[in-house]
Amino acid sequence: MHAVSLLRSKGVAFQEINAPHGSAERGEAIRRSGSRTVPQTFVDGKGLGGCDDLMALDRAGRLDALLGKV
């Protein structure tokens, strides 16, 4: 499962920003997250990490609270 699929399965509204290599959007995601990988997920300006991080948060039962679903 990818980050977008996971967020859709949670029923939360989100904005997906295309960030191809070398784009300003990719640079901004890297700057804001401190990570050199994309995608990166942010909720209310707070970085949650990449896809693996989202999956780990979900497995640990912590993602819903971070998404405001509880």
PDB file of N, CA and C in Angstrom:
ATOM      1  N   MET A   1       0.856  -1.178   0.000  1.00  0.00           N
ATOM      2  CA  MET A   1       0.000   0.000   0.000  1.00  0.00           C
ATOM      3  C   MET A   1       0.898   1.235   0.000  1.00  0.00           C
ATOM      4  N   HIS A   2       0.486   2.227  -0.734  1.00  0.00           N
ATOM      5  CA  HIS A   2       1.223   3.483  -0.796  1.00  0.00           C
ATOM      6  C   HIS A   2       0.584   4.507   0.137  1.00  0.00           C
ATOM      7  N   ALA A   3       1.298   5.588   0.391  1.00  0.00           N
ATOM      8  CA  ALA A   3       0.813   6.629   1.301  1.00  0.00           C
ATOM      9  C   ALA A   3      -0.549   7.159   0.865  1.00  0.00           C
ATOM     10  N   VAL A   4      -0.719   7.424  -0.424  1.00  0.00           N
ATOM     11  CA  VAL A   4      -1.993   7.959  -0.917  1.00  0.00           C
ATOM     12  C   VAL A   4      -3.118   6.958  -0.664  1.00  0.00           C
ATOM     13  N   SER A   5      -2.866   5.693  -0.934  1.00  0.00           N
ATOM     14  CA  SER A   5      -3.885   4.663  -0.702  1.00  0.00           C
ATOM     15  C   SER A   5      -4.248   4.576   0.770  1.00  0.00           C
ATOM     16  N   LEU A   6      -3.251   4.656   1.629  1.00  0.00           N
ATOM     17  CA  LEU A   6      -3.507   4.593   3.068  1.00  0.00           C
ATOM     18  C   LEU A   6      -4.363   5.772   3.507  1.00  0.00           C
ATOM     19  N   LEU A   7      -4.015   6.973   3.064  1.00  0.00           N
ATOM     20  CA  LEU A   7      -4.788   8.151   3.449  1.00  0.00           C
ATOM     21  C   LEU A   7      -6.214   8.073   2.909  1.00  0.00           C
ATOM     22  N   ARG A   8      -6.367   7.589   1.691  1.00  0.00           N
ATOM     23  CA  ARG A   8      -7.724   7.418   1.137  1.00  0.00           C
ATOM     24  C   ARG A   8      -8.518   6.416   1.964  1.00  0.00           C
ATOM     25  N   SER A   9      -7.863   5.328   2.372  1.00  0.00           N
ATOM     26  CA  SER A   9      -8.566   4.311   3.159  1.00  0.00           C
ATOM     27  C   SER A   9      -9.004   4.859   4.512  1.00  0.00           C
ATOM     28  N   LYS A  10      -8.311   5.885   4.988  1.00  0.00           N
ATOM     29  CA  LYS A  10      -8.664   6.516   6.265  1.00  0.00           C
ATOM     30  C   LYS A  10      -9.789   7.532   6.100  1.00  0.00           C
ATOM     31  N   GLY A  11     -10.105   7.881   4.852  1.00  0.00           N
ATOM     32  CA  GLY A  11     -11.194   8.819   4.600  1.00  0.00           C
ATOM     33  C   GLY A  11     -10.874  10.256   4.968  1.00  0.00           C
ATOM     34  N   VAL A  12      -9.596  10.601   4.967  1.00  0.00           N
ATOM     35  CA  VAL A  12      -9.219  11.975   5.300  1.00  0.00           C
ATOM     36  C   VAL A  12      -8.994  12.777   4.022  1.00  0.00           C
ATOM     37  N   ALA A  13      -9.304  14.053   4.101  1.00  0.00           N
ATOM     38  CA  ALA A  13      -9.034  14.944   2.976  1.00  0.00           C
ATOM     39  C   ALA A  13      -7.548  15.281   2.987  1.00  0.00           C
ATOM     40  N   PHE A  14      -6.943  15.294   1.822  1.00  0.00           N
ATOM     41  CA  PHE A  14      -5.533  15.646   1.739  1.00  0.00           C
ATOM     42  C   PHE A  14      -5.248  16.265   0.386  1.00  0.00           C
ATOM     43  N   GLN A  15      -4.139  16.949   0.315  1.00  0.00           N
ATOM     44  CA  GLN A  15      -3.696  17.547  -0.938  1.00  0.00           C
ATOM     45  C   GLN A  15      -2.433  16.827  -1.368  1.00  0.00           C
ATOM     46  N   GLU A  16      -2.471  16.254  -2.546  1.00  0.00           N
ATOM     47  CA  GLU A  16      -1.301  15.585  -3.103  1.00  0.00           C
ATOM     48  C   GLU A  16      -0.581  16.577  -4.011  1.00  0.00           C
ATOM     49  N   ILE A  17       0.691  16.790  -3.746  1.00  0.00           N
ATOM     50  CA  ILE A  17       1.483  17.738  -4.529  1.00  0.00           C
ATOM     51  C   ILE A  17       2.520  16.958  -5.318  1.00  0.00           C
ATOM     52  N   ASN A  18       2.467  17.089  -6.629  1.00  0.00           N
ATOM     53  CA  ASN A  18       3.443  16.431  -7.484  1.00  0.00           C
ATOM     54  C   ASN A  18       4.794  17.119  -7.291  1.00  0.00           C
ATOM     55  N   ALA A  19       5.824  16.341  -6.997  1.00  0.00           N
ATOM     56  CA  ALA A  19       7.144  16.910  -6.708  1.00  0.00           C
ATOM     57  C   ALA A  19       8.230  16.157  -7.472  1.00  0.00           C
ATOM     58  N   PRO A  20       8.281  16.353  -8.795  1.00  0.00           N
ATOM     59  CA  PRO A  20       9.304  15.650  -9.574  1.00  0.00           C
ATOM     60  C   PRO A  20      10.716  16.097  -9.203  1.00  0.00           C
ATOM     61  N   HIS A  21      11.663  15.237  -9.501  1.00  0.00           N
ATOM     62  CA  HIS A  21      13.070  15.518  -9.204  1.00  0.00           C
ATOM     63  C   HIS A  21      13.468  16.887  -9.761  1.00  0.00           C
ATOM     64  N   GLY A  22      14.095  17.686  -8.919  1.00  0.00           N
ATOM     65  CA  GLY A  22      14.561  18.999  -9.340  1.00  0.00           C
ATOM     66  C   GLY A  22      13.534  20.114  -9.229  1.00  0.00           C
ATOM     67  N   SER A  23      12.306  19.786  -8.820  1.00  0.00           N
ATOM     68  CA  SER A  23      11.259  20.810  -8.744  1.00  0.00           C
ATOM     69  C   SER A  23      11.335  21.585  -7.431  1.00  0.00           C
ATOM     70  N   ALA A  24      10.758  22.774  -7.451  1.00  0.00           N
ATOM     71  CA  ALA A  24      10.686  23.596  -6.241  1.00  0.00           C
ATOM     72  C   ALA A  24       9.879  22.884  -5.160  1.00  0.00           C
ATOM     73  N   GLU A  25       8.836  22.163  -5.564  1.00  0.00           N
ATOM     74  CA  GLU A  25       7.995  21.450  -4.605  1.00  0.00           C
ATOM     75  C   GLU A  25       8.787  20.364  -3.883  1.00  0.00           C
ATOM     76  N   ARG A  26       9.616  19.656  -4.622  1.00  0.00           N
ATOM     77  CA  ARG A  26      10.446  18.612  -4.015  1.00  0.00           C
ATOM     78  C   ARG A  26      11.445  19.247  -3.046  1.00  0.00           C
ATOM     79  N   GLY A  27      12.068  20.339  -3.468  1.00  0.00           N
ATOM     80  CA  GLY A  27      12.999  21.042  -2.595  1.00  0.00           C
ATOM     81  C   GLY A  27      12.339  21.505  -1.313  1.00  0.00           C
ATOM     82  N   GLU A  28      11.117  22.003  -1.424  1.00  0.00           N
ATOM     83  CA  GLU A  28      10.375  22.457  -0.243  1.00  0.00           C
ATOM     84  C   GLU A  28      10.054  21.287   0.689  1.00  0.00           C
ATOM     85  N   ALA A  29       9.640  20.155   0.131  1.00  0.00           N
ATOM     86  CA  ALA A  29       9.345  18.977   0.957  1.00  0.00           C
ATOM     87  C   ALA A  29      10.595  18.512   1.692  1.00  0.00           C
ATOM     88  N   ILE A  30      11.716  18.515   1.009  1.00  0.00           N
ATOM     89  CA  ILE A  30      12.984  18.108   1.623  1.00  0.00           C
ATOM     90  C   ILE A  30      13.388  19.097   2.711  1.00  0.00           C
ATOM     91  N   ARG A  31      13.252  20.375   2.428  1.00  0.00           N
ATOM     92  CA  ARG A  31      13.608  21.404   3.408  1.00  0.00           C
ATOM     93  C   ARG A  31      12.738  21.296   4.657  1.00  0.00           C
ATOM     94  N   ARG A  32      11.432  21.156   4.458  1.00  0.00           N
ATOM     95  CA  ARG A  32      10.504  21.114   5.593  1.00  0.00           C
ATOM     96  C   ARG A  32      10.638  19.843   6.415  1.00  0.00           C
ATOM     97  N   SER A  33      10.911  18.726   5.755  1.00  0.00           N
ATOM     98  CA  SER A  33      10.939  17.446   6.468  1.00  0.00           C
ATOM     99  C   SER A  33      12.313  17.098   7.022  1.00  0.00           C
ATOM    100  N   GLY A  34      13.359  17.646   6.407  1.00  0.00           N
ATOM    101  CA  GLY A  34      14.707  17.257   6.795  1.00  0.00           C
ATOM    102  C   GLY A  34      15.113  15.917   6.218  1.00  0.00           C
ATOM    103  N   SER A  35      14.256  15.329   5.397  1.00  0.00           N
ATOM    104  CA  SER A  35      14.523  14.037   4.770  1.00  0.00           C
ATOM    105  C   SER A  35      14.773  14.250   3.287  1.00  0.00           C
ATOM    106  N   ARG A  36      15.577  13.405   2.698  1.00  0.00           N
ATOM    107  CA  ARG A  36      15.877  13.545   1.277  1.00  0.00           C
ATOM    108  C   ARG A  36      14.975  12.665   0.418  1.00  0.00           C
ATOM    109  N   THR A  37      14.003  12.011   1.039  1.00  0.00           N
ATOM    110  CA  THR A  37      13.104  11.151   0.275  1.00  0.00           C
ATOM    111  C   THR A  37      11.721  11.783   0.177  1.00  0.00           C
ATOM    112  N   VAL A  38      11.044  11.480  -0.896  1.00  0.00           N
ATOM    113  CA  VAL A  38       9.649  11.865  -1.063  1.00  0.00           C
ATOM    114  C   VAL A  38       8.896  10.617  -1.493  1.00  0.00           C
ATOM    115  N   PRO A  39       7.638  10.479  -1.154  1.00  0.00           N
ATOM    116  CA  PRO A  39       6.775  11.513  -0.598  1.00  0.00           C
ATOM    117  C   PRO A  39       7.020  11.731   0.892  1.00  0.00           C
ATOM    118  N   GLN A  40       6.625  12.889   1.337  1.00  0.00           N
ATOM    119  CA  GLN A  40       6.603  13.241   2.747  1.00  0.00           C
ATOM    120  C   GLN A  40       5.180  13.664   3.074  1.00  0.00           C
ATOM    121  N   THR A  41       4.736  13.337   4.263  1.00  0.00           N
ATOM    122  CA  THR A  41       3.374  13.658   4.673  1.00  0.00           C
ATOM    123  C   THR A  41       3.419  14.659   5.815  1.00  0.00           C
ATOM    124  N   PHE A  42       2.611  15.706   5.681  1.00  0.00           N
ATOM    125  CA  PHE A  42       2.515  16.749   6.693  1.00  0.00           C
ATOM    126  C   PHE A  42       1.064  16.879   7.124  1.00  0.00           C
ATOM    127  N   VAL A  43       0.844  17.034   8.420  1.00  0.00           N
ATOM    128  CA  VAL A  43      -0.489  17.284   8.959  1.00  0.00           C
ATOM    129  C   VAL A  43      -0.395  18.545   9.801  1.00  0.00           C
ATOM    130  N   ASP A  44      -1.165  19.544   9.416  1.00  0.00           N
ATOM    131  CA  ASP A  44      -1.133  20.840  10.112  1.00  0.00           C
ATOM    132  C   ASP A  44       0.295  21.367  10.228  1.00  0.00           C
ATOM    133  N   GLY A  45       1.075  21.196   9.162  1.00  0.00           N
ATOM    134  CA  GLY A  45       2.436  21.703   9.118  1.00  0.00           C
ATOM    135  C   GLY A  45       3.476  20.831   9.789  1.00  0.00           C
ATOM    136  N   LYS A  46       3.046  19.768  10.457  1.00  0.00           N
ATOM    137  CA  LYS A  46       3.974  18.870  11.144  1.00  0.00           C
ATOM    138  C   LYS A  46       4.291  17.678  10.245  1.00  0.00           C
ATOM    139  N   GLY A  47       5.564  17.404  10.052  1.00  0.00           N
ATOM    140  CA  GLY A  47       5.972  16.280   9.225  1.00  0.00           C
ATOM    141  C   GLY A  47       5.773  14.956   9.936  1.00  0.00           C
ATOM    142  N   LEU A  48       5.089  14.025   9.253  1.00  0.00           N
ATOM    143  CA  LEU A  48       4.904  12.684   9.800  1.00  0.00           C
ATOM    144  C   LEU A  48       5.890  11.695   9.205  1.00  0.00           C
ATOM    145  N   GLY A  49       6.541  12.084   8.123  1.00  0.00           N
ATOM    146  CA  GLY A  49       7.517  11.206   7.491  1.00  0.00           C
ATOM    147  C   GLY A  49       7.041  10.716   6.143  1.00  0.00           C
ATOM    148  N   GLY A  50       7.734   9.715   5.659  1.00  0.00           N
ATOM    149  CA  GLY A  50       7.419   9.135   4.364  1.00  0.00           C
ATOM    150  C   GLY A  50       6.441   7.985   4.481  1.00  0.00           C
ATOM    151  N   CYS A  51       6.299   7.259   3.401  1.00  0.00           N
ATOM    152  CA  CYS A  51       5.337   6.162   3.337  1.00  0.00           C
ATOM    153  C   CYS A  51       5.607   5.107   4.410  1.00  0.00           C
ATOM    154  N   ASP A  52       6.856   4.695   4.559  1.00  0.00           N
ATOM    155  CA  ASP A  52       7.184   3.682   5.571  1.00  0.00           C
ATOM    156  C   ASP A  52       6.826   4.171   6.969  1.00  0.00           C
ATOM    157  N   ASP A  53       7.048   5.455   7.214  1.00  0.00           N
ATOM    158  CA  ASP A  53       6.713   6.028   8.520  1.00  0.00           C
ATOM    159  C   ASP A  53       5.207   6.007   8.756  1.00  0.00           C
ATOM    160  N   LEU A  54       4.431   6.353   7.724  1.00  0.00           N
ATOM    161  CA  LEU A  54       2.968   6.320   7.856  1.00  0.00           C
ATOM    162  C   LEU A  54       2.483   4.909   8.143  1.00  0.00           C
ATOM    163  N   MET A  55       3.042   3.942   7.432  1.00  0.00           N
ATOM    164  CA  MET A  55       2.645   2.546   7.635  1.00  0.00           C
ATOM    165  C   MET A  55       2.973   2.095   9.062  1.00  0.00           C
ATOM    166  N   ALA A  56       4.138   2.486   9.555  1.00  0.00           N
ATOM    167  CA  ALA A  56       4.535   2.118  10.915  1.00  0.00           C
ATOM    168  C   ALA A  56       3.609   2.767  11.942  1.00  0.00           C
ATOM    169  N   LEU A  57       3.265   4.038  11.726  1.00  0.00           N
ATOM    170  CA  LEU A  57       2.335   4.715  12.630  1.00  0.00           C
ATOM    171  C   LEU A  57       0.979   4.020  12.627  1.00  0.00           C
ATOM    172  N   ASP A  58       0.532   3.595  11.459  1.00  0.00           N
ATOM    173  CA  ASP A  58      -0.755   2.910  11.359  1.00  0.00           C
ATOM    174  C   ASP A  58      -0.707   1.564  12.078  1.00  0.00           C
ATOM    175  N   ARG A  59       0.360   0.797  11.853  1.00  0.00           N
ATOM    176  CA  ARG A  59       0.494  -0.504  12.526  1.00  0.00           C
ATOM    177  C   ARG A  59       0.536  -0.347  14.043  1.00  0.00           C
ATOM    178  N   ALA A  60       1.134   0.753  14.503  1.00  0.00           N
ATOM    179  CA  ALA A  60       1.240   1.002  15.945  1.00  0.00           C
ATOM    180  C   ALA A  60      -0.049   1.587  16.526  1.00  0.00           C
ATOM    181  N   GLY A  61      -1.038   1.860  15.658  1.00  0.00           N
ATOM    182  CA  GLY A  61      -2.302   2.411  16.130  1.00  0.00           C
ATOM    183  C   GLY A  61      -2.243   3.888  16.463  1.00  0.00           C
ATOM    184  N   ARG A  62      -1.247   4.592  15.935  1.00  0.00           N
ATOM    185  CA  ARG A  62      -1.072   6.009  16.266  1.00  0.00           C
ATOM    186  C   ARG A  62      -1.473   6.958  15.143  1.00  0.00           C
ATOM    187  N   LEU A  63      -1.656   6.444  13.936  1.00  0.00           N
ATOM    188  CA  LEU A  63      -1.909   7.322  12.795  1.00  0.00           C
ATOM    189  C   LEU A  63      -3.257   8.027  12.888  1.00  0.00           C
ATOM    190  N   ASP A  64      -4.298   7.314  13.276  1.00  0.00           N
ATOM    191  CA  ASP A  64      -5.631   7.922  13.320  1.00  0.00           C
ATOM    192  C   ASP A  64      -5.657   9.165  14.204  1.00  0.00           C
ATOM    193  N   ALA A  65      -5.014   9.100  15.350  1.00  0.00           N
ATOM    194  CA  ALA A  65      -4.991  10.259  16.251  1.00  0.00           C
ATOM    195  C   ALA A  65      -4.261  11.433  15.598  1.00  0.00           C
ATOM    196  N   LEU A  66      -3.171  11.149  14.905  1.00  0.00           N
ATOM    197  CA  LEU A  66      -2.416  12.214  14.241  1.00  0.00           C
ATOM    198  C   LEU A  66      -3.207  12.831  13.094  1.00  0.00           C
ATOM    199  N   LEU A  67      -4.082  12.042  12.497  1.00  0.00           N
ATOM    200  CA  LEU A  67      -4.919  12.530  11.404  1.00  0.00           C
ATOM    201  C   LEU A  67      -6.211  13.164  11.908  1.00  0.00           C
ATOM    202  N   GLY A  68      -6.400  13.169  13.221  1.00  0.00           N
ATOM    203  CA  GLY A  68      -7.613  13.747  13.794  1.00  0.00           C
ATOM    204  C   GLY A  68      -8.830  12.862  13.627  1.00  0.00           C
ATOM    205  N   LYS A  69      -8.608  11.554  13.524  1.00  0.00           N
ATOM    206  CA  LYS A  69      -9.696  10.609  13.284  1.00  0.00           C
ATOM    207  C   LYS A  69     -10.252   9.993  14.563  1.00  0.00           C
ATOM    208  N   VAL A  70      -9.747  10.378  15.719  1.00  0.00           N
ATOM    209  CA  VAL A  70     -10.259   9.792  16.970  1.00  0.00           C
ATOM    210  C   VAL A  70     -10.840  10.868  17.850  1.00  0.00           C
TER     211      VAL A  70
END
